[in-house]
Amino acid sequence: MQPSSPTHELFSRAATHAAAFRDSLTERPVRAAASYADVRAGFRAPLGDTGRPPSEVIDDLIAVADPGIVASAGPRYFGFVVGGALPAATAAEILAAGWDQNAWNSVLSPTAAAAEHAAGEWLKELLGLPATASAGFTTGAQSANTVALAAARNHVLARAGWDVEADGLPGAPLVRVLAGEERHATIDRSLRLLGFGSRRLELVRSGLNGTIDFDDLRVRLTEHAGPLIVCLQAGNVNTGASDALGAACDLVHQHDGWVHVDGAFGLWAAVSPALRDQVSGLERADSWGCDGHKWLNLPYDSGFVFTAHPEVHHQALAYSASYLVASGESEPGDYALESSRRARGLAVWAGLQELGRTGVRELVERCCSLARLFAEQLADAGYEIGNEVVLNQVLVSFGSDERTDRVIAAVQESGVCWMGGTTWRGRRFMRISVSNHLTTEADVTASVAAIVAADNDGGRRHP
């Protein structure tokens, strides 16, 4: 073993604190101990004229930051479809920071590029996507959707005889973009960023559990011809339900359209034989976006974009400059927005190795089972479950909107668990998302007890 150095001691100090925090997650209150204003005051200490020893800076950072840390990596955080990063993936992230690699291409870092290539192949296999599809490593579903829709825009306009990369959108043929009423807001944002504008989006009616109305889609597609993009969803953000992907893909392709599937978390249903029918036919789409830091329980920020048209994906993103050294082959940076890129593929590789195919399947199936347990226990306690629980999402009403919001606030304040709120079909609901590999049946039972106690504190329980 090499003798200890200041760098070794500094990194060990940081890693030791991080490990202690992870070990405390089952006992630590889920909510932050301090308010944003308090934590902000601590961070706003004057910047000195001279530097400080790194060890002193890290000790100060820990002291200032710790009161504002939310235990979102723990087993009783059920907001925002948040997973807790797996141990091997977290350790790989520590190594990635230490190695400090730029993952733009294989010349800058053979290791970073090779890890992304291997992990990308595994991801396509797990999700049942075409082996020939391209794979890009993004910061999340927002970036993945934007990349995929950039490729879609270029492809459908090229088929209409317009080179959008050279000539831009002014004067281009009108592209129709359709999506369901219950699409995720990142679709709208991507369309704004790509120059379509929010008013260009045509909304298709949604059914009872938030999925796209297939009959309405069929009618809309017969209204006008021309360049066409249709955005579908795997995993509604409130209900977890997925659109009829296979049938919709076939219908859209009859009209020469491009189908993009926003599968931030719901795409992972594909890894389970018991759940795969919910995303049946997903492989017939043209592009897919997915998160790694949600249900796959990888560190932030980790997302994936895949397209069935690698050459279009590459053409939409790739660039060159005289000073850049390249291998001459397609590179990781050709499939994502960022040029200077963290080697996030290392954590993906490590997390998938830790879980294996069976572990990924069991993680998804266990979370769905725990979501159903939440719904059963809360229904038994007298509360209304607002959705058909088909995946890992549960909506709960406590009667009036005011009472529901009051219970949500009281539960968050208790520190036992954390659930957010949402508006679904004009009503307020508690939204429970079960996504963490650490969550157990005991965590569900303890959380239900905290919810019931919070409601009893706020008023009579909803009959």
Protein backbone atom coordinates (compact mmCIF):
# COMPACT_ATOMS: atom_id res chain seq x y z
CA MET A 1 0.00 0.00 0.00
CA GLN A 2 1.29 3.43 -0.89
CA PRO A 3 1.95 5.81 2.01
CA SER A 4 -0.88 8.15 2.85
CA SER A 5 -0.90 11.49 1.06
CA PRO A 6 -2.94 14.66 1.56
CA THR A 7 -5.06 13.69 -1.44
CA HIS A 8 -5.62 10.18 -0.06
CA GLU A 9 -6.64 11.56 3.33
CA LEU A 10 -8.95 14.14 1.75
CA PHE A 11 -10.73 11.65 -0.50
CA SER A 12 -11.00 9.16 2.37
CA ARG A 13 -12.54 11.83 4.59
CA ALA A 14 -15.19 12.61 1.97
CA ALA A 15 -15.91 8.95 1.24
CA THR A 16 -16.17 8.10 4.93
CA HIS A 17 -18.74 10.82 5.47
CA ALA A 18 -20.70 9.74 2.38
CA ALA A 19 -20.74 6.12 3.56
CA ALA A 20 -21.87 7.14 7.04
CA PHE A 21 -24.71 9.12 5.51
CA ARG A 22 -25.82 6.15 3.43
CA ASP A 23 -25.68 3.88 6.48
CA SER A 24 -27.92 6.33 8.38
CA LEU A 25 -30.72 6.38 5.79
CA THR A 26 -33.02 3.88 7.48
CA GLU A 27 -32.99 5.88 10.73
CA ARG A 28 -32.50 9.43 9.49
CA PRO A 29 -35.61 11.68 9.22
CA VAL A 30 -36.52 11.90 5.56
CA ARG A 31 -37.11 15.65 5.53
CA ALA A 32 -34.25 18.12 5.81
CA ALA A 33 -33.51 19.34 9.33
CA ALA A 34 -33.06 22.96 8.23
CA SER A 35 -34.93 25.28 5.90
CA TYR A 36 -33.56 26.54 2.61
CA ALA A 37 -33.12 30.01 4.11
CA ASP A 38 -31.03 28.62 6.96
CA VAL A 39 -28.83 26.51 4.70
CA ARG A 40 -28.45 29.36 2.21
CA ALA A 41 -27.22 31.60 4.98
CA GLY A 42 -24.52 29.08 5.81
CA PHE A 43 -23.36 28.82 2.22
CA ARG A 44 -23.27 32.60 1.79
CA ALA A 45 -20.27 33.10 4.02
CA PRO A 46 -17.91 35.72 2.58
CA LEU A 47 -15.39 34.46 0.04
CA GLY A 48 -11.93 35.08 1.41
CA ASP A 49 -9.08 36.68 -0.47
CA THR A 50 -6.80 33.72 0.16
CA GLY A 51 -7.47 30.01 -0.28
CA ARG A 52 -8.02 27.48 2.49
CA PRO A 53 -6.69 23.96 3.08
CA PRO A 54 -8.85 21.39 1.20
CA SER A 55 -9.52 19.35 4.36
CA GLU A 56 -10.82 22.44 6.13
CA VAL A 57 -13.05 23.26 3.15
CA ILE A 58 -14.55 19.76 3.12
CA ASP A 59 -15.20 19.78 6.87
CA ASP A 60 -16.89 23.14 6.50
CA LEU A 61 -18.96 21.91 3.54
CA ILE A 62 -20.21 18.92 5.51
CA ALA A 63 -21.15 21.07 8.49
CA VAL A 64 -23.02 23.61 6.37
CA ALA A 65 -24.70 21.13 4.01
CA ASP A 66 -25.77 18.30 6.30
CA PRO A 67 -28.81 20.06 7.87
CA GLY A 68 -30.24 20.66 4.39
CA ILE A 69 -29.78 17.12 3.08
CA VAL A 70 -33.00 15.27 2.22
CA ALA A 71 -32.85 11.50 2.67
CA SER A 72 -34.19 10.97 -0.84
CA ALA A 73 -31.79 8.06 -1.31
CA GLY A 74 -33.51 6.21 1.55
CA PRO A 75 -36.29 3.62 1.67
CA ARG A 76 -39.17 5.93 2.69
CA TYR A 77 -38.85 8.68 0.10
CA PHE A 78 -41.78 8.30 -2.30
CA GLY A 79 -41.72 11.59 -4.20
CA PHE A 80 -40.90 12.32 -7.85
CA VAL A 81 -40.06 8.70 -8.85
CA VAL A 82 -36.71 8.98 -7.10
CA GLY A 83 -34.48 5.94 -6.62
CA GLY A 84 -31.51 5.62 -4.31
CA ALA A 85 -28.18 4.98 -6.04
CA LEU A 86 -26.93 1.40 -5.76
CA PRO A 87 -23.73 0.79 -3.75
CA ALA A 88 -21.59 -0.34 -6.70
CA ALA A 89 -22.90 2.47 -8.88
CA THR A 90 -22.13 5.01 -6.16
CA ALA A 91 -18.63 3.65 -5.68
CA ALA A 92 -18.10 3.77 -9.44
CA GLU A 93 -19.23 7.40 -9.40
CA ILE A 94 -16.60 8.14 -6.76
CA LEU A 95 -13.98 6.52 -8.98
CA ALA A 96 -15.25 8.45 -12.01
CA ALA A 97 -14.80 11.71 -10.10
CA GLY A 98 -11.31 10.67 -9.02
CA TRP A 99 -10.28 9.56 -12.51
CA ASP A 100 -11.74 12.82 -13.88
CA GLN A 101 -12.27 11.56 -17.43
CA ASN A 102 -13.87 13.42 -20.32
CA ALA A 103 -16.20 10.93 -22.01
CA TRP A 104 -16.72 12.81 -25.26
CA ASN A 105 -14.80 10.28 -27.31
CA SER A 106 -12.52 7.25 -27.16
CA VAL A 107 -9.40 9.35 -27.76
CA LEU A 108 -10.03 11.47 -24.68
CA SER A 109 -10.89 8.37 -22.63
CA PRO A 110 -10.91 4.82 -24.00
CA THR A 111 -12.28 3.63 -20.66
CA ALA A 112 -15.24 6.01 -20.54
CA ALA A 113 -16.20 5.26 -24.15
CA ALA A 114 -15.89 1.49 -23.71
CA ALA A 115 -18.02 1.52 -20.55
CA GLU A 116 -20.81 3.42 -22.32
CA HIS A 117 -20.71 1.08 -25.30
CA ALA A 118 -20.96 -2.05 -23.15
CA ALA A 119 -23.66 -0.64 -20.88
CA GLY A 120 -25.63 0.61 -23.88
CA GLU A 121 -25.72 -2.89 -25.34
CA TRP A 122 -26.95 -4.31 -22.03
CA LEU A 123 -29.64 -1.65 -21.73
CA LYS A 124 -31.02 -2.39 -25.20
CA GLU A 125 -31.11 -6.09 -24.39
CA LEU A 126 -32.87 -5.54 -21.05
CA LEU A 127 -35.48 -3.20 -22.54
CA GLY A 128 -36.13 -5.33 -25.62
CA LEU A 129 -34.99 -2.61 -28.04
CA PRO A 130 -33.50 -3.39 -31.45
CA ALA A 131 -29.87 -4.48 -31.20
CA THR A 132 -29.08 -2.12 -34.06
CA ALA A 133 -30.44 0.95 -32.24
CA SER A 134 -28.12 3.78 -31.25
CA ALA A 135 -27.59 4.53 -27.55
CA GLY A 136 -26.70 7.89 -26.07
CA PHE A 137 -25.93 8.65 -22.42
CA THR A 138 -27.69 11.83 -21.33
CA THR A 139 -28.29 13.81 -18.14
CA GLY A 140 -31.88 12.55 -17.88
CA ALA A 141 -35.18 12.14 -19.68
CA GLN A 142 -35.40 15.83 -20.55
CA SER A 143 -32.16 15.67 -22.50
CA ALA A 144 -33.09 12.26 -23.94
CA ASN A 145 -36.43 13.56 -25.22
CA THR A 146 -34.75 16.61 -26.73
CA VAL A 147 -32.12 14.55 -28.55
CA ALA A 148 -34.69 12.06 -29.85
CA LEU A 149 -37.04 14.78 -31.06
CA ALA A 150 -34.15 16.60 -32.76
CA ALA A 151 -33.45 13.42 -34.71
CA ALA A 152 -37.18 13.05 -35.42
CA ARG A 153 -37.43 16.64 -36.67
CA ASN A 154 -34.50 16.23 -39.02
CA HIS A 155 -35.72 12.87 -40.30
CA VAL A 156 -39.32 13.81 -41.13
CA LEU A 157 -38.25 17.09 -42.74
CA ALA A 158 -35.55 15.36 -44.80
CA ARG A 159 -38.19 12.98 -46.11
CA ALA A 160 -40.19 16.06 -47.12
CA GLY A 161 -37.18 17.42 -49.01
CA TRP A 162 -36.05 19.97 -46.43
CA ASP A 163 -32.57 20.14 -44.86
CA VAL A 164 -33.32 21.64 -41.45
CA GLU A 165 -29.68 21.42 -40.37
CA ALA A 166 -28.61 23.72 -43.18
CA ASP A 167 -31.69 25.89 -43.65
CA GLY A 168 -33.37 25.95 -40.25
CA LEU A 169 -37.11 25.98 -39.69
CA PRO A 170 -38.15 29.24 -41.44
CA GLY A 171 -39.88 28.22 -44.64
CA ALA A 172 -39.81 24.52 -43.80
CA PRO A 173 -42.84 22.29 -44.35
CA LEU A 174 -45.15 22.31 -41.34
CA VAL A 175 -44.41 19.42 -38.98
CA ARG A 176 -47.36 18.06 -37.06
CA VAL A 177 -46.48 17.00 -33.50
CA LEU A 178 -49.08 15.00 -31.56
CA ALA A 179 -49.00 13.92 -27.92
CA GLY A 180 -51.51 12.86 -25.29
CA GLU A 181 -53.15 15.25 -22.87
CA GLU A 182 -51.33 13.46 -20.06
CA ARG A 183 -47.84 13.73 -21.59
CA HIS A 184 -44.98 14.78 -19.35
CA ALA A 185 -44.10 18.49 -19.42
CA THR A 186 -40.59 17.70 -20.65
CA ILE A 187 -42.10 16.97 -24.07
CA ASP A 188 -43.39 20.54 -24.29
CA ARG A 189 -40.06 21.90 -23.16
CA SER A 190 -38.16 19.87 -25.75
CA LEU A 191 -40.46 21.13 -28.49
CA ARG A 192 -39.86 24.73 -27.39
CA LEU A 193 -36.10 24.20 -27.40
CA LEU A 194 -36.24 22.70 -30.89
CA GLY A 195 -38.09 25.63 -32.38
CA PHE A 196 -41.52 24.05 -32.80
CA GLY A 197 -43.22 26.23 -30.20
CA SER A 198 -45.78 25.09 -27.65
CA ARG A 199 -48.73 26.06 -29.84
CA ARG A 200 -47.60 23.58 -32.48
CA LEU A 201 -48.39 20.63 -30.21
CA GLU A 202 -51.68 18.90 -30.98
CA LEU A 203 -53.20 17.14 -27.99
CA VAL A 204 -54.87 13.76 -28.25
CA ARG A 205 -57.50 12.86 -25.66
CA SER A 206 -56.49 10.62 -22.77
CA GLY A 207 -58.48 7.78 -21.27
CA LEU A 208 -59.36 6.85 -17.71
CA ASN A 209 -55.88 5.93 -16.46
CA GLY A 210 -54.10 8.65 -18.42
CA THR A 211 -53.29 6.68 -21.56
CA ILE A 212 -53.78 8.04 -25.06
CA ASP A 213 -57.23 7.58 -26.64
CA PHE A 214 -56.48 5.34 -29.61
CA ASP A 215 -59.65 6.21 -31.50
CA ASP A 216 -58.94 9.93 -31.17
CA LEU A 217 -55.38 9.34 -32.39
CA ARG A 218 -56.70 7.50 -35.43
CA VAL A 219 -59.04 10.37 -36.28
CA ARG A 220 -56.32 12.99 -35.83
CA LEU A 221 -53.95 11.15 -38.14
CA THR A 222 -56.46 11.22 -41.00
CA GLU A 223 -56.96 14.99 -40.80
CA HIS A 224 -53.77 16.20 -42.52
CA ALA A 225 -50.82 14.74 -44.39
CA GLY A 226 -47.20 15.85 -44.19
CA PRO A 227 -44.24 15.48 -41.81
CA LEU A 228 -45.45 13.85 -38.59
CA ILE A 229 -44.08 13.16 -35.10
CA VAL A 230 -46.13 11.42 -32.42
CA CYS A 231 -45.00 11.31 -28.78
CA LEU A 232 -46.20 8.35 -26.73
CA GLN A 233 -45.69 7.58 -23.07
CA ALA A 234 -44.51 4.58 -21.10
CA GLY A 235 -45.43 5.28 -17.49
CA ASN A 236 -47.85 8.11 -16.86
CA VAL A 237 -46.35 10.39 -14.23
CA ASN A 238 -49.46 10.11 -12.03
CA THR A 239 -50.85 6.63 -12.70
CA GLY A 240 -47.92 4.67 -14.12
CA ALA A 241 -50.03 3.54 -17.10
CA SER A 242 -48.56 3.24 -20.60
CA ASP A 243 -50.05 3.98 -23.99
CA ALA A 244 -50.87 1.15 -26.38
CA LEU A 245 -47.39 1.39 -27.84
CA GLY A 246 -47.39 -1.36 -30.45
CA ALA A 247 -50.76 -0.51 -31.97
CA ALA A 248 -50.00 3.22 -31.96
CA CYS A 249 -46.61 2.67 -33.61
CA ASP A 250 -48.21 0.64 -36.39
CA LEU A 251 -50.87 3.30 -36.95
CA VAL A 252 -48.42 6.20 -37.01
CA HIS A 253 -46.09 4.36 -39.38
CA GLN A 254 -48.98 3.91 -41.80
CA HIS A 255 -48.90 7.70 -42.03
CA ASP A 256 -45.09 7.80 -42.41
CA GLY A 257 -44.65 9.36 -38.97
CA TRP A 258 -41.90 9.08 -36.37
CA VAL A 259 -42.90 7.65 -32.97
CA HIS A 260 -41.02 8.75 -29.87
CA VAL A 261 -41.64 7.00 -26.54
CA ASP A 262 -41.06 9.02 -23.38
CA GLY A 263 -40.33 6.16 -20.98
CA ALA A 264 -38.59 8.01 -18.14
CA PHE A 265 -39.49 5.25 -15.68
CA GLY A 266 -42.25 3.17 -17.28
CA LEU A 267 -39.98 1.69 -19.93
CA TRP A 268 -38.55 -0.55 -17.22
CA ALA A 269 -41.76 -2.59 -17.24
CA ALA A 270 -40.18 -4.31 -20.23
CA VAL A 271 -37.70 -6.17 -18.02
CA SER A 272 -40.45 -8.16 -16.26
CA PRO A 273 -42.43 -10.99 -17.91
CA ALA A 274 -45.28 -10.12 -15.54
CA LEU A 275 -45.35 -6.45 -16.61
CA ARG A 276 -44.06 -6.52 -20.18
CA ASP A 277 -47.53 -6.53 -21.73
CA GLN A 278 -47.97 -2.94 -20.48
CA VAL A 279 -45.33 -1.79 -22.97
CA SER A 280 -45.98 -4.40 -25.63
CA GLY A 281 -44.72 -3.33 -29.04
CA LEU A 282 -42.35 -0.68 -27.70
CA GLU A 283 -39.62 -2.02 -29.98
CA ARG A 284 -41.59 -0.80 -33.01
CA ALA A 285 -41.06 2.88 -32.11
CA ASP A 286 -38.41 5.09 -33.70
CA SER A 287 -36.88 6.53 -30.53
CA TRP A 288 -37.02 6.12 -26.78
CA GLY A 289 -36.02 8.22 -23.76
CA CYS A 290 -35.39 6.74 -20.32
CA ASP A 291 -33.91 7.69 -16.95
CA GLY A 292 -31.26 5.75 -15.06
CA HIS A 293 -31.44 7.78 -11.85
CA LYS A 294 -35.07 6.86 -11.31
CA TRP A 295 -36.03 3.20 -11.27
CA LEU A 296 -32.64 1.77 -12.18
CA ASN A 297 -31.29 3.39 -8.99
CA LEU A 298 -28.21 4.98 -10.52
CA PRO A 299 -26.57 8.23 -9.33
CA TYR A 300 -27.60 11.60 -10.72
CA ASP A 301 -27.53 12.58 -13.48
CA SER A 302 -28.12 9.57 -15.69
CA GLY A 303 -30.42 9.10 -18.66
CA PHE A 304 -30.51 7.27 -21.98
CA VAL A 305 -31.70 7.99 -25.50
CA PHE A 306 -32.07 5.30 -28.13
CA THR A 307 -33.10 5.55 -31.77
CA ALA A 308 -33.91 2.95 -34.39
CA HIS A 309 -32.13 5.18 -36.92
CA PRO A 310 -28.52 5.53 -35.74
CA GLU A 311 -27.40 7.49 -38.77
CA VAL A 312 -30.12 10.10 -38.17
CA HIS A 313 -29.26 10.28 -34.47
CA HIS A 314 -25.58 10.74 -35.31
CA GLN A 315 -26.21 13.37 -37.97
CA ALA A 316 -28.43 15.42 -35.65
CA LEU A 317 -25.80 15.64 -32.89
CA ALA A 318 -22.29 15.09 -34.29
CA TYR A 319 -19.89 17.92 -35.05
CA SER A 320 -16.19 18.44 -35.60
CA ALA A 321 -13.54 21.12 -35.22
CA SER A 322 -9.95 21.44 -36.37
CA TYR A 323 -8.53 21.11 -32.88
CA LEU A 324 -10.53 18.01 -31.94
CA VAL A 325 -8.79 14.65 -32.16
CA ALA A 326 -11.13 11.84 -33.19
CA SER A 327 -10.88 8.16 -33.93
CA GLY A 328 -12.87 8.33 -37.15
CA GLU A 329 -15.61 6.13 -35.68
CA SER A 330 -18.93 7.10 -34.09
CA GLU A 331 -18.24 8.29 -30.56
CA PRO A 332 -20.28 8.68 -27.33
CA GLY A 333 -20.38 12.44 -27.78
CA ASP A 334 -22.09 12.01 -31.15
CA TYR A 335 -25.26 10.78 -29.43
CA ALA A 336 -25.67 13.28 -26.58
CA LEU A 337 -25.84 17.06 -26.23
CA GLU A 338 -22.81 17.64 -24.05
CA SER A 339 -19.25 17.86 -25.35
CA SER A 340 -17.35 17.88 -22.07
CA ARG A 341 -19.03 14.89 -20.45
CA ARG A 342 -18.62 13.13 -17.13
CA ALA A 343 -17.88 9.41 -17.47
CA ARG A 344 -21.38 8.51 -16.28
CA GLY A 345 -21.23 5.20 -18.13
CA LEU A 346 -18.97 3.81 -15.40
CA ALA A 347 -21.76 3.99 -12.81
CA VAL A 348 -24.23 2.51 -15.30
CA TRP A 349 -21.87 -0.38 -16.01
CA ALA A 350 -21.29 -1.00 -12.29
CA GLY A 351 -24.97 -0.76 -11.35
CA LEU A 352 -26.01 -3.24 -14.03
CA GLN A 353 -23.23 -5.60 -12.99
CA GLU A 354 -24.36 -5.38 -9.36
CA LEU A 355 -27.97 -6.21 -10.23
CA GLY A 356 -27.65 -8.52 -13.21
CA ARG A 357 -30.69 -9.35 -15.34
CA THR A 358 -32.46 -11.03 -12.44
CA GLY A 359 -31.77 -8.16 -10.06
CA VAL A 360 -33.16 -5.55 -12.44
CA ARG A 361 -36.33 -7.61 -12.90
CA GLU A 362 -36.73 -8.21 -9.16
CA LEU A 363 -36.20 -4.52 -8.39
CA VAL A 364 -38.99 -3.49 -10.76
CA GLU A 365 -41.38 -6.24 -9.67
CA ARG A 366 -40.77 -5.62 -5.96
CA CYS A 367 -41.50 -1.90 -6.28
CA CYS A 368 -44.76 -2.67 -8.11
CA SER A 369 -45.73 -5.15 -5.42
CA LEU A 370 -45.03 -2.57 -2.71
CA ALA A 371 -47.10 0.02 -4.57
CA ARG A 372 -50.04 -2.39 -4.55
CA LEU A 373 -49.46 -2.94 -0.84
CA PHE A 374 -49.63 0.83 -0.28
CA ALA A 375 -52.93 0.96 -2.15
CA GLU A 376 -54.38 -2.00 -0.25
CA GLN A 377 -53.43 -0.69 3.19
CA LEU A 378 -54.63 2.84 2.48
CA ALA A 379 -57.89 1.58 0.99
CA ASP A 380 -58.38 -0.59 4.09
CA ALA A 381 -57.83 2.54 6.19
CA GLY A 382 -60.75 4.18 4.40
CA TYR A 383 -59.07 6.32 1.79
CA GLU A 384 -59.82 6.66 -1.91
CA ILE A 385 -57.28 5.28 -4.38
CA GLY A 386 -57.52 7.47 -7.45
CA ASN A 387 -55.88 5.27 -10.07
CA GLU A 388 -55.67 1.69 -11.20
CA VAL A 389 -52.31 0.67 -9.74
CA VAL A 390 -50.58 -0.93 -12.71
CA LEU A 391 -46.97 -0.10 -11.94
CA ASN A 392 -45.29 1.79 -9.08
CA GLN A 393 -47.55 4.86 -8.79
CA VAL A 394 -50.39 5.33 -6.29
CA LEU A 395 -52.79 8.29 -6.00
CA VAL A 396 -54.59 8.83 -2.68
CA SER A 397 -57.36 11.27 -1.80
CA PHE A 398 -58.31 12.23 1.75
CA GLY A 399 -61.64 13.77 0.80
CA SER A 400 -61.40 17.44 0.00
CA ASP A 401 -58.46 19.02 -1.78
CA GLU A 402 -57.72 21.06 1.33
CA ARG A 403 -57.55 18.00 3.56
CA THR A 404 -55.40 16.14 1.07
CA ASP A 405 -52.87 18.96 0.95
CA ARG A 406 -52.97 19.23 4.74
CA VAL A 407 -52.18 15.54 5.14
CA ILE A 408 -49.35 15.74 2.60
CA ALA A 409 -47.77 18.65 4.48
CA ALA A 410 -48.14 16.89 7.84
CA VAL A 411 -46.60 13.68 6.52
CA GLN A 412 -43.63 15.56 5.09
CA GLU A 413 -43.16 17.40 8.36
CA SER A 414 -43.22 14.16 10.36
CA GLY A 415 -39.95 13.01 8.83
CA VAL A 416 -41.11 9.38 8.74
CA CYS A 417 -41.59 9.42 4.98
CA TRP A 418 -42.03 11.89 2.13
CA MET A 419 -44.79 11.95 -0.47
CA GLY A 420 -45.66 14.79 -2.82
CA GLY A 421 -48.96 16.04 -4.15
CA THR A 422 -50.41 16.27 -7.64
CA THR A 423 -53.52 17.41 -9.45
CA TRP A 424 -55.24 14.61 -11.35
CA ARG A 425 -58.45 15.14 -13.29
CA GLY A 426 -59.09 18.40 -11.46
CA ARG A 427 -58.58 17.00 -7.95
CA ARG A 428 -55.71 16.98 -5.49
CA PHE A 429 -54.08 13.66 -4.60
CA MET A 430 -51.13 12.42 -2.60
CA ARG A 431 -48.75 10.86 -5.13
CA ILE A 432 -46.75 7.85 -3.97
CA SER A 433 -43.90 6.63 -6.17
CA VAL A 434 -42.13 3.43 -5.12
CA SER A 435 -38.75 3.30 -6.84
CA ASN A 436 -36.03 2.56 -4.28
CA HIS A 437 -34.15 -0.73 -4.02
CA LEU A 438 -34.02 -0.35 -0.21
CA THR A 439 -37.79 -0.10 0.38
CA THR A 440 -39.40 -3.01 2.26
CA GLU A 441 -42.90 -4.02 3.35
CA ALA A 442 -42.02 -2.67 6.81
CA ASP A 443 -41.32 0.73 5.26
CA VAL A 444 -44.72 0.70 3.57
CA THR A 445 -46.50 -0.22 6.81
CA ALA A 446 -44.64 2.46 8.79
CA SER A 447 -45.45 5.02 6.12
CA VAL A 448 -49.15 4.14 6.07
CA ALA A 449 -49.22 4.51 9.86
CA ALA A 450 -47.62 7.96 9.52
CA ILE A 451 -50.21 8.95 6.91
CA VAL A 452 -53.11 7.85 9.12
CA ALA A 453 -51.61 9.68 12.09
CA ALA A 454 -51.15 12.83 10.02
CA ASP A 455 -54.79 12.73 8.92
CA ASN A 456 -56.02 12.18 12.45
CA ASP A 457 -54.00 15.21 13.54
CA GLY A 458 -55.62 17.30 10.85
CA GLY A 459 -59.23 16.25 11.16
CA ARG A 460 -61.66 13.37 10.74
CA ARG A 461 -60.51 10.62 8.44
CA HIS A 462 -62.23 10.41 5.08
CA PRO A 463 -64.89 7.68 5.38
